[in-house]
PDB file of N, CA and C in Angstrom:
ATOM      1  N   MET A   1      14.989-106.246 151.380  1.00  0.00           N
ATOM      2  CA  MET A   1      13.554-106.025 151.244  1.00  0.00           C
ATOM      3  C   MET A   1      13.011-105.192 152.404  1.00  0.00           C
ATOM      4  N   LEU A   2      13.329-105.595 153.621  1.00  0.00           N
ATOM      5  CA  LEU A   2      12.842-104.875 154.798  1.00  0.00           C
ATOM      6  C   LEU A   2      13.381-103.447 154.827  1.00  0.00           C
ATOM      7  N   ARG A   3      14.627-103.270 154.438  1.00  0.00           N
ATOM      8  CA  ARG A   3      15.228-101.930 154.403  1.00  0.00           C
ATOM      9  C   ARG A   3      14.477-101.029 153.417  1.00  0.00           C
ATOM     10  N   ALA A   4      14.086-101.570 152.281  1.00  0.00           N
ATOM     11  CA  ALA A   4      13.338-100.788 151.289  1.00  0.00           C
ATOM     12  C   ALA A   4      11.985-100.360 151.846  1.00  0.00           C
ATOM     13  N   ILE A   5      11.367-101.228 152.618  1.00  0.00           N
ATOM     14  CA  ILE A   5      10.073-100.889 153.236  1.00  0.00           C
ATOM     15  C   ILE A   5      10.262 -99.737 154.222  1.00  0.00           C
ATOM     16  N   PHE A   6      11.309 -99.809 155.044  1.00  0.00           N
ATOM     17  CA  PHE A   6      11.559 -98.741 156.000  1.00  0.00           C
ATOM     18  C   PHE A   6      11.894 -97.431 155.303  1.00  0.00           C
ATOM     19  N   LYS A   7      12.609 -97.483 154.195  1.00  0.00           N
ATOM     20  CA  LYS A   7      12.906 -96.257 153.440  1.00  0.00           C
ATOM     21  C   LYS A   7      11.612 -95.628 152.925  1.00  0.00           C
ATOM     22  N   SER A   8      10.679 -96.456 152.474  1.00  0.00           N
ATOM     23  CA  SER A   8       9.390 -95.944 152.011  1.00  0.00           C
ATOM     24  C   SER A   8       8.626 -95.294 153.156  1.00  0.00           C
ATOM     25  N   ILE A   9       8.670 -95.917 154.313  1.00  0.00           N
ATOM     26  CA  ILE A   9       7.988 -95.358 155.480  1.00  0.00           C
ATOM     27  C   ILE A   9       8.613 -94.016 155.851  1.00  0.00           C
ATOM     28  N   ASP A  10       9.933 -93.928 155.819  1.00  0.00           N
ATOM     29  CA  ASP A  10      10.610 -92.652 156.098  1.00  0.00           C
ATOM     30  C   ASP A  10      10.092 -91.550 155.182  1.00  0.00           C
ATOM     31  N   SER A  11       9.972 -91.860 153.899  1.00  0.00           N
ATOM     32  CA  SER A  11       9.491 -90.868 152.934  1.00  0.00           C
ATOM     33  C   SER A  11       8.057 -90.466 153.224  1.00  0.00           C
ATOM     34  N   MET A  12       7.226 -91.433 153.552  1.00  0.00           N
ATOM     35  CA  MET A  12       5.824 -91.133 153.859  1.00  0.00           C
ATOM     36  C   MET A  12       5.699 -90.277 155.121  1.00  0.00           C
ATOM     37  N   VAL A  13       6.497 -90.583 156.132  1.00  0.00           N
ATOM     38  CA  VAL A  13       6.481 -89.793 157.363  1.00  0.00           C
ATOM     39  C   VAL A  13       6.906 -88.355 157.070  1.00  0.00           C
ATOM     40  N   MET A  14       7.956 -88.194 156.275  1.00  0.00           N
ATOM     41  CA  MET A  14       8.444 -86.852 155.951  1.00  0.00           C
ATOM     42  C   MET A  14       7.408 -86.070 155.146  1.00  0.00           C
ATOM     43  N   LEU A  15       6.794 -86.701 154.168  1.00  0.00           N
ATOM     44  CA  LEU A  15       5.760 -86.025 153.375  1.00  0.00           C
ATOM     45  C   LEU A  15       4.571 -85.617 154.233  1.00  0.00           C
ATOM     46  N   ARG A  16       4.162 -86.492 155.143  1.00  0.00           N
ATOM     47  CA  ARG A  16       3.035 -86.182 156.031  1.00  0.00           C
ATOM     48  C   ARG A  16       3.383 -85.020 156.947  1.00  0.00           C
ATOM     49  N   ARG A  17       4.588 -85.024 157.463  1.00  0.00           N
ATOM     50  CA  ARG A  17       5.020 -83.950 158.348  1.00  0.00           C
ATOM     51  C   ARG A  17       5.016 -82.604 157.615  1.00  0.00           C
ATOM     52  N   MET A  18       5.487 -82.596 156.363  1.00  0.00           N
ATOM     53  CA  MET A  18       5.489 -81.352 155.583  1.00  0.00           C
ATOM     54  C   MET A  18       4.070 -80.904 155.257  1.00  0.00           C
ATOM     55  N   ALA A  19       3.184 -81.856 154.985  1.00  0.00           N
ATOM     56  CA  ALA A  19       1.782 -81.506 154.722  1.00  0.00           C
ATOM     57  C   ALA A  19       1.142 -80.897 155.967  1.00  0.00           C
ATOM     58  N   LEU A  20       1.418 -81.468 157.123  1.00  0.00           N
ATOM     59  CA  LEU A  20       0.878 -80.908 158.369  1.00  0.00           C
ATOM     60  C   LEU A  20       1.443 -79.519 158.641  1.00  0.00           C
ATOM     61  N   LEU A  21       2.716 -79.316 158.361  1.00  0.00           N
ATOM     62  CA  LEU A  21       3.328 -78.005 158.543  1.00  0.00           C
ATOM     63  C   LEU A  21       2.639 -76.968 157.649  1.00  0.00           C
ATOM     64  N   ALA A  22       2.381 -77.344 156.406  1.00  0.00           N
ATOM     65  CA  ALA A  22       1.682 -76.442 155.483  1.00  0.00           C
ATOM     66  C   ALA A  22       0.267 -76.160 155.974  1.00  0.00           C
ATOM     67  N   TRP A  23      -0.429 -77.187 156.472  1.00  0.00           N
ATOM     68  CA  TRP A  23      -1.792 -76.998 156.979  1.00  0.00           C
ATOM     69  C   TRP A  23      -1.794 -76.060 158.172  1.00  0.00           C
ATOM     70  N   ILE A  24      -0.856 -76.258 159.090  1.00  0.00           N
ATOM     71  CA  ILE A  24      -0.783 -75.387 160.264  1.00  0.00           C
ATOM     72  C   ILE A  24      -0.554 -73.936 159.835  1.00  0.00           C
ATOM     73  N   GLY A  25       0.322 -73.737 158.855  1.00  0.00           N
ATOM     74  CA  GLY A  25       0.598 -72.392 158.369  1.00  0.00           C
ATOM     75  C   GLY A  25      -0.589 -71.745 157.683  1.00  0.00           C
ATOM     76  N   SER A  26      -1.379 -72.531 156.969  1.00  0.00           N
ATOM     77  CA  SER A  26      -2.511 -71.960 156.236  1.00  0.00           C
ATOM     78  C   SER A  26      -3.791 -71.896 157.067  1.00  0.00           C
ATOM     79  N   HIS A  27      -3.765 -72.451 158.268  1.00  0.00           N
ATOM     80  CA  HIS A  27      -4.933 -72.415 159.155  1.00  0.00           C
ATOM     81  C   HIS A  27      -4.547 -71.871 160.531  1.00  0.00           C
ATOM     82  N   ALA A  28      -3.660 -70.908 160.528  1.00  0.00           N
ATOM     83  CA  ALA A  28      -3.098 -70.383 161.776  1.00  0.00           C
ATOM     84  C   ALA A  28      -4.154 -69.808 162.714  1.00  0.00           C
ATOM     85  N   GLU A  29      -5.309 -69.475 162.186  1.00  0.00           N
ATOM     86  CA  GLU A  29      -6.362 -68.874 163.020  1.00  0.00           C
ATOM     87  C   GLU A  29      -7.141 -69.914 163.831  1.00  0.00           C
ATOM     88  N   THR A  30      -6.974 -71.180 163.516  1.00  0.00           N
ATOM     89  CA  THR A  30      -7.746 -72.219 164.217  1.00  0.00           C
ATOM     90  C   THR A  30      -7.057 -72.640 165.516  1.00  0.00           C
ATOM     91  N   LYS A  31      -7.866 -73.074 166.455  1.00  0.00           N
ATOM     92  CA  LYS A  31      -7.317 -73.513 167.741  1.00  0.00           C
ATOM     93  C   LYS A  31      -6.435 -74.748 167.576  1.00  0.00           C
ATOM     94  N   LEU A  32      -6.819 -75.655 166.676  1.00  0.00           N
ATOM     95  CA  LEU A  32      -6.026 -76.863 166.468  1.00  0.00           C
ATOM     96  C   LEU A  32      -4.631 -76.517 165.943  1.00  0.00           C
ATOM     97  N   ALA A  33      -4.565 -75.617 164.969  1.00  0.00           N
ATOM     98  CA  ALA A  33      -3.258 -75.200 164.443  1.00  0.00           C
ATOM     99  C   ALA A  33      -2.444 -74.501 165.527  1.00  0.00           C
ATOM    100  N   GLN A  34      -3.082 -73.638 166.297  1.00  0.00           N
ATOM    101  CA  GLN A  34      -2.382 -72.919 167.359  1.00  0.00           C
ATOM    102  C   GLN A  34      -1.843 -73.873 168.421  1.00  0.00           C
ATOM    103  N   LEU A  35      -2.567 -74.943 168.677  1.00  0.00           N
ATOM    104  CA  LEU A  35      -2.137 -75.938 169.647  1.00  0.00           C
ATOM    105  C   LEU A  35      -0.841 -76.634 169.207  1.00  0.00           C
ATOM    106  N   HIS A  36      -0.722 -76.874 167.903  1.00  0.00           N
ATOM    107  CA  HIS A  36       0.436 -77.609 167.385  1.00  0.00           C
ATOM    108  C   HIS A  36       1.567 -76.710 166.890  1.00  0.00           C
ATOM    109  N   MET A  37       1.335 -75.401 166.815  1.00  0.00           N
ATOM    110  CA  MET A  37       2.345 -74.475 166.281  1.00  0.00           C
ATOM    111  C   MET A  37       3.672 -74.479 167.029  1.00  0.00           C
ATOM    112  N   PRO A  38       3.649 -74.362 168.357  1.00  0.00           N
ATOM    113  CA  PRO A  38       4.939 -74.234 169.056  1.00  0.00           C
ATOM    114  C   PRO A  38       5.848 -75.444 168.821  1.00  0.00           C
ATOM    115  N   GLY A  39       6.983 -75.180 168.219  1.00  0.00           N
ATOM    116  CA  GLY A  39       7.976 -76.220 168.015  1.00  0.00           C
ATOM    117  C   GLY A  39       7.762 -77.116 166.808  1.00  0.00           C
ATOM    118  N   PHE A  40       6.619 -77.002 166.125  1.00  0.00           N
ATOM    119  CA  PHE A  40       6.354 -77.919 165.021  1.00  0.00           C
ATOM    120  C   PHE A  40       7.299 -77.682 163.849  1.00  0.00           C
ATOM    121  N   ALA A  41       7.543 -76.424 163.516  1.00  0.00           N
ATOM    122  CA  ALA A  41       8.463 -76.125 162.402  1.00  0.00           C
ATOM    123  C   ALA A  41       9.885 -76.574 162.739  1.00  0.00           C
ATOM    124  N   ASP A  42      10.323 -76.302 163.964  1.00  0.00           N
ATOM    125  CA  ASP A  42      11.655 -76.742 164.374  1.00  0.00           C
ATOM    126  C   ASP A  42      11.769 -78.263 164.359  1.00  0.00           C
ATOM    127  N   GLY A  43      10.730 -78.933 164.847  1.00  0.00           N
ATOM    128  CA  GLY A  43      10.726 -80.392 164.843  1.00  0.00           C
ATOM    129  C   GLY A  43      10.759 -80.955 163.430  1.00  0.00           C
ATOM    130  N   THR A  44      10.042 -80.293 162.530  1.00  0.00           N
ATOM    131  CA  THR A  44      10.025 -80.730 161.138  1.00  0.00           C
ATOM    132  C   THR A  44      11.397 -80.532 160.499  1.00  0.00           C
ATOM    133  N   ALA A  45      12.040 -79.414 160.802  1.00  0.00           N
ATOM    134  CA  ALA A  45      13.382 -79.158 160.263  1.00  0.00           C
ATOM    135  C   ALA A  45      14.382 -80.201 160.771  1.00  0.00           C
ATOM    136  N   THR A  46      14.291 -80.548 162.044  1.00  0.00           N
ATOM    137  CA  THR A  46      15.163 -81.571 162.613  1.00  0.00           C
ATOM    138  C   THR A  46      14.931 -82.917 161.940  1.00  0.00           C
ATOM    139  N   LEU A  47      13.668 -83.262 161.764  1.00  0.00           N
ATOM    140  CA  LEU A  47      13.323 -84.514 161.096  1.00  0.00           C
ATOM    141  C   LEU A  47      13.826 -84.515 159.651  1.00  0.00           C
ATOM    142  N   ALA A  48      13.698 -83.375 158.959  1.00  0.00           N
ATOM    143  CA  ALA A  48      14.158 -83.268 157.573  1.00  0.00           C
ATOM    144  C   ALA A  48      15.672 -83.455 157.476  1.00  0.00           C
ATOM    145  N   GLU A  49      16.402 -82.892 158.432  1.00  0.00           N
ATOM    146  CA  GLU A  49      17.856 -83.070 158.437  1.00  0.00           C
ATOM    147  C   GLU A  49      18.215 -84.546 158.615  1.00  0.00           C
ATOM    148  N   ARG A  50      17.525 -85.214 159.522  1.00  0.00           N
ATOM    149  CA  ARG A  50      17.761 -86.653 159.722  1.00  0.00           C
ATOM    150  C   ARG A  50      17.402 -87.436 158.465  1.00  0.00           C
ATOM    151  N   TYR A  51      16.311 -87.056 157.833  1.00  0.00           N
ATOM    152  CA  TYR A  51      15.859 -87.722 156.610  1.00  0.00           C
ATOM    153  C   TYR A  51      16.903 -87.591 155.501  1.00  0.00           C
ATOM    154  N   LEU A  52      17.430 -86.387 155.343  1.00  0.00           N
ATOM    155  CA  LEU A  52      18.410 -86.137 154.291  1.00  0.00           C
ATOM    156  C   LEU A  52      19.747 -86.826 154.550  1.00  0.00           C
ATOM    157  N   ARG A  53      20.070 -87.064 155.816  1.00  0.00           N
ATOM    158  CA  ARG A  53      21.296 -87.790 156.154  1.00  0.00           C
ATOM    159  C   ARG A  53      21.155 -89.294 155.924  1.00  0.00           C
ATOM    160  N   GLY A  54      19.945 -89.775 155.853  1.00  0.00           N
ATOM    161  CA  GLY A  54      19.717 -91.214 155.680  1.00  0.00           C
ATOM    162  C   GLY A  54      18.422 -91.608 156.346  1.00  0.00           C
ATOM    163  N   ALA A  55      18.315 -92.852 156.681  1.00  0.00           N
ATOM    164  CA  ALA A  55      17.078 -93.383 157.259  1.00  0.00           C
ATOM    165  C   ALA A  55      16.748 -92.702 158.591  1.00  0.00           C
ATOM    166  N   ILE A  56      15.481 -92.422 158.786  1.00  0.00           N
ATOM    167  CA  ILE A  56      15.017 -91.805 160.021  1.00  0.00           C
ATOM    168  C   ILE A  56      14.959 -92.838 161.148  1.00  0.00           C
ATOM    169  N   TRP A  57      14.421 -93.995 160.860  1.00  0.00           N
ATOM    170  CA  TRP A  57      14.129 -94.980 161.904  1.00  0.00           C
ATOM    171  C   TRP A  57      15.210 -96.042 162.074  1.00  0.00           C
ATOM    172  N   LEU A  58      16.096 -96.188 161.108  1.00  0.00           N
ATOM    173  CA  LEU A  58      17.118 -97.231 161.219  1.00  0.00           C
ATOM    174  C   LEU A  58      18.425 -96.679 161.737  1.00  0.00           C
TER     175      LEU A  58
END
């Protein structure tokens, strides 16, 4: 049961990260997006690789 909850959280974290990546890309002119741009795509790719290999947090 607990493992299933953590798997759901992993999916939610990954979806949120991808949504933020898309927002940063579509709002590149804003200061907030520019603040988070450096390394965000690389960090998301690293997180995605971990996600695809299995649980992120376990």
